[in-house]
Amino acid sequence: MKHEKIHMPNLSYIAAFVIGVIFFAVLWRMLFGSASGLMVLAGMIGTATAVTIFWLRNENQHHGKGKQ
């Protein structure tokens, strides 16, 4: 089994997801006074969607640039 290095852009997308969920929960609590489980879940889904879209866009833009 070959040891592979962690692909740094993938790590940054995970970090963006975590930061986005925390930001959403804090913002929701400041604006509405509570951070219910459903609202945090909605924030997680929204953040995951945004991070996935940016990741796919980045992969499509850089696809094949290093293969010649």
C-alpha atoms as a PDB file:
ATOM      1  CA  MET A   1       0.000   0.000   0.000  1.00  0.00           C
ATOM      2  CA  LYS A   2       1.502   3.303  -1.111  1.00  0.00           C
ATOM      3  CA  HIS A   3       1.646   6.132   1.427  1.00  0.00           C
ATOM      4  CA  GLU A   4       0.017   9.194  -0.114  1.00  0.00           C
ATOM      5  CA  LYS A   5       0.372  12.771   1.034  1.00  0.00           C
ATOM      6  CA  ILE A   6      -2.665  14.758   2.101  1.00  0.00           C
ATOM      7  CA  HIS A   7      -3.904  16.908  -0.758  1.00  0.00           C
ATOM      8  CA  MET A   8      -3.789  20.382   0.829  1.00  0.00           C
ATOM      9  CA  PRO A   9      -6.729  21.882  -1.093  1.00  0.00           C
ATOM     10  CA  ASN A  10      -8.937  19.089   0.262  1.00  0.00           C
ATOM     11  CA  LEU A  11      -7.823  19.984   3.780  1.00  0.00           C
ATOM     12  CA  SER A  12      -8.686  23.630   3.162  1.00  0.00           C
ATOM     13  CA  TYR A  13     -12.206  22.667   2.060  1.00  0.00           C
ATOM     14  CA  ILE A  14     -12.713  20.729   5.298  1.00  0.00           C
ATOM     15  CA  ALA A  15     -11.495  23.744   7.267  1.00  0.00           C
ATOM     16  CA  ALA A  16     -13.831  26.027   5.296  1.00  0.00           C
ATOM     17  CA  PHE A  17     -16.742  23.733   6.152  1.00  0.00           C
ATOM     18  CA  VAL A  18     -15.976  23.754   9.880  1.00  0.00           C
ATOM     19  CA  ILE A  19     -15.461  27.531   9.965  1.00  0.00           C
ATOM     20  CA  GLY A  20     -18.675  28.077   8.006  1.00  0.00           C
ATOM     21  CA  VAL A  21     -20.749  25.967  10.394  1.00  0.00           C
ATOM     22  CA  ILE A  22     -19.317  27.749  13.437  1.00  0.00           C
ATOM     23  CA  PHE A  23     -19.878  31.157  11.811  1.00  0.00           C
ATOM     24  CA  PHE A  24     -23.480  30.279  10.917  1.00  0.00           C
ATOM     25  CA  ALA A  25     -24.268  29.052  14.447  1.00  0.00           C
ATOM     26  CA  VAL A  26     -22.748  32.157  16.080  1.00  0.00           C
ATOM     27  CA  LEU A  27     -24.456  34.532  13.645  1.00  0.00           C
ATOM     28  CA  TRP A  28     -27.818  32.798  14.094  1.00  0.00           C
ATOM     29  CA  ARG A  29     -27.489  32.959  17.892  1.00  0.00           C
ATOM     30  CA  MET A  30     -26.605  36.673  17.805  1.00  0.00           C
ATOM     31  CA  LEU A  31     -29.504  37.561  15.491  1.00  0.00           C
ATOM     32  CA  PHE A  32     -32.257  35.351  16.892  1.00  0.00           C
ATOM     33  CA  GLY A  33     -31.144  34.486  20.427  1.00  0.00           C
ATOM     34  CA  SER A  34     -30.997  30.721  20.029  1.00  0.00           C
ATOM     35  CA  ALA A  35     -29.118  28.140  18.046  1.00  0.00           C
ATOM     36  CA  SER A  36     -31.475  25.190  17.777  1.00  0.00           C
ATOM     37  CA  GLY A  37     -30.273  21.891  16.408  1.00  0.00           C
ATOM     38  CA  LEU A  38     -32.319  22.246  13.230  1.00  0.00           C
ATOM     39  CA  MET A  39     -30.835  25.656  12.456  1.00  0.00           C
ATOM     40  CA  VAL A  40     -27.289  24.399  12.990  1.00  0.00           C
ATOM     41  CA  LEU A  41     -28.106  21.433  10.735  1.00  0.00           C
ATOM     42  CA  ALA A  42     -29.438  23.816   8.078  1.00  0.00           C
ATOM     43  CA  GLY A  43     -26.208  25.802   8.339  1.00  0.00           C
ATOM     44  CA  MET A  44     -24.156  22.640   7.979  1.00  0.00           C
ATOM     45  CA  ILE A  45     -26.087  21.622   4.866  1.00  0.00           C
ATOM     46  CA  GLY A  46     -25.764  25.075   3.314  1.00  0.00           C
ATOM     47  CA  THR A  47     -22.073  25.307   4.087  1.00  0.00           C
ATOM     48  CA  ALA A  48     -21.424  21.788   2.801  1.00  0.00           C
ATOM     49  CA  THR A  49     -23.204  22.655  -0.438  1.00  0.00           C
ATOM     50  CA  ALA A  50     -21.196  25.843  -0.937  1.00  0.00           C
ATOM     51  CA  VAL A  51     -17.878  24.159  -0.132  1.00  0.00           C
ATOM     52  CA  THR A  52     -18.683  21.256  -2.483  1.00  0.00           C
ATOM     53  CA  ILE A  53     -19.563  23.622  -5.326  1.00  0.00           C
ATOM     54  CA  PHE A  54     -16.324  25.590  -4.909  1.00  0.00           C
ATOM     55  CA  TRP A  55     -14.326  22.342  -4.707  1.00  0.00           C
ATOM     56  CA  LEU A  56     -15.902  20.985  -7.904  1.00  0.00           C
ATOM     57  CA  ARG A  57     -15.339  24.312  -9.673  1.00  0.00           C
ATOM     58  CA  ASN A  58     -11.689  24.302  -8.612  1.00  0.00           C
ATOM     59  CA  GLU A  59     -11.202  20.691  -9.717  1.00  0.00           C
ATOM     60  CA  ASN A  60     -12.780  21.424 -13.116  1.00  0.00           C
ATOM     61  CA  GLN A  61     -10.586  24.498 -13.664  1.00  0.00           C
ATOM     62  CA  HIS A  62      -7.362  22.677 -12.790  1.00  0.00           C
ATOM     63  CA  HIS A  63      -8.201  19.330 -14.399  1.00  0.00           C
ATOM     64  CA  GLY A  64      -5.388  18.154 -16.620  1.00  0.00           C
ATOM     65  CA  LYS A  65      -3.052  21.125 -16.089  1.00  0.00           C
ATOM     66  CA  GLY A  66      -0.316  18.945 -14.611  1.00  0.00           C
ATOM     67  CA  LYS A  67      -0.649  16.044 -17.055  1.00  0.00           C
ATOM     68  CA  GLN A  68       1.347  16.395 -20.265  1.00  0.00           C
END
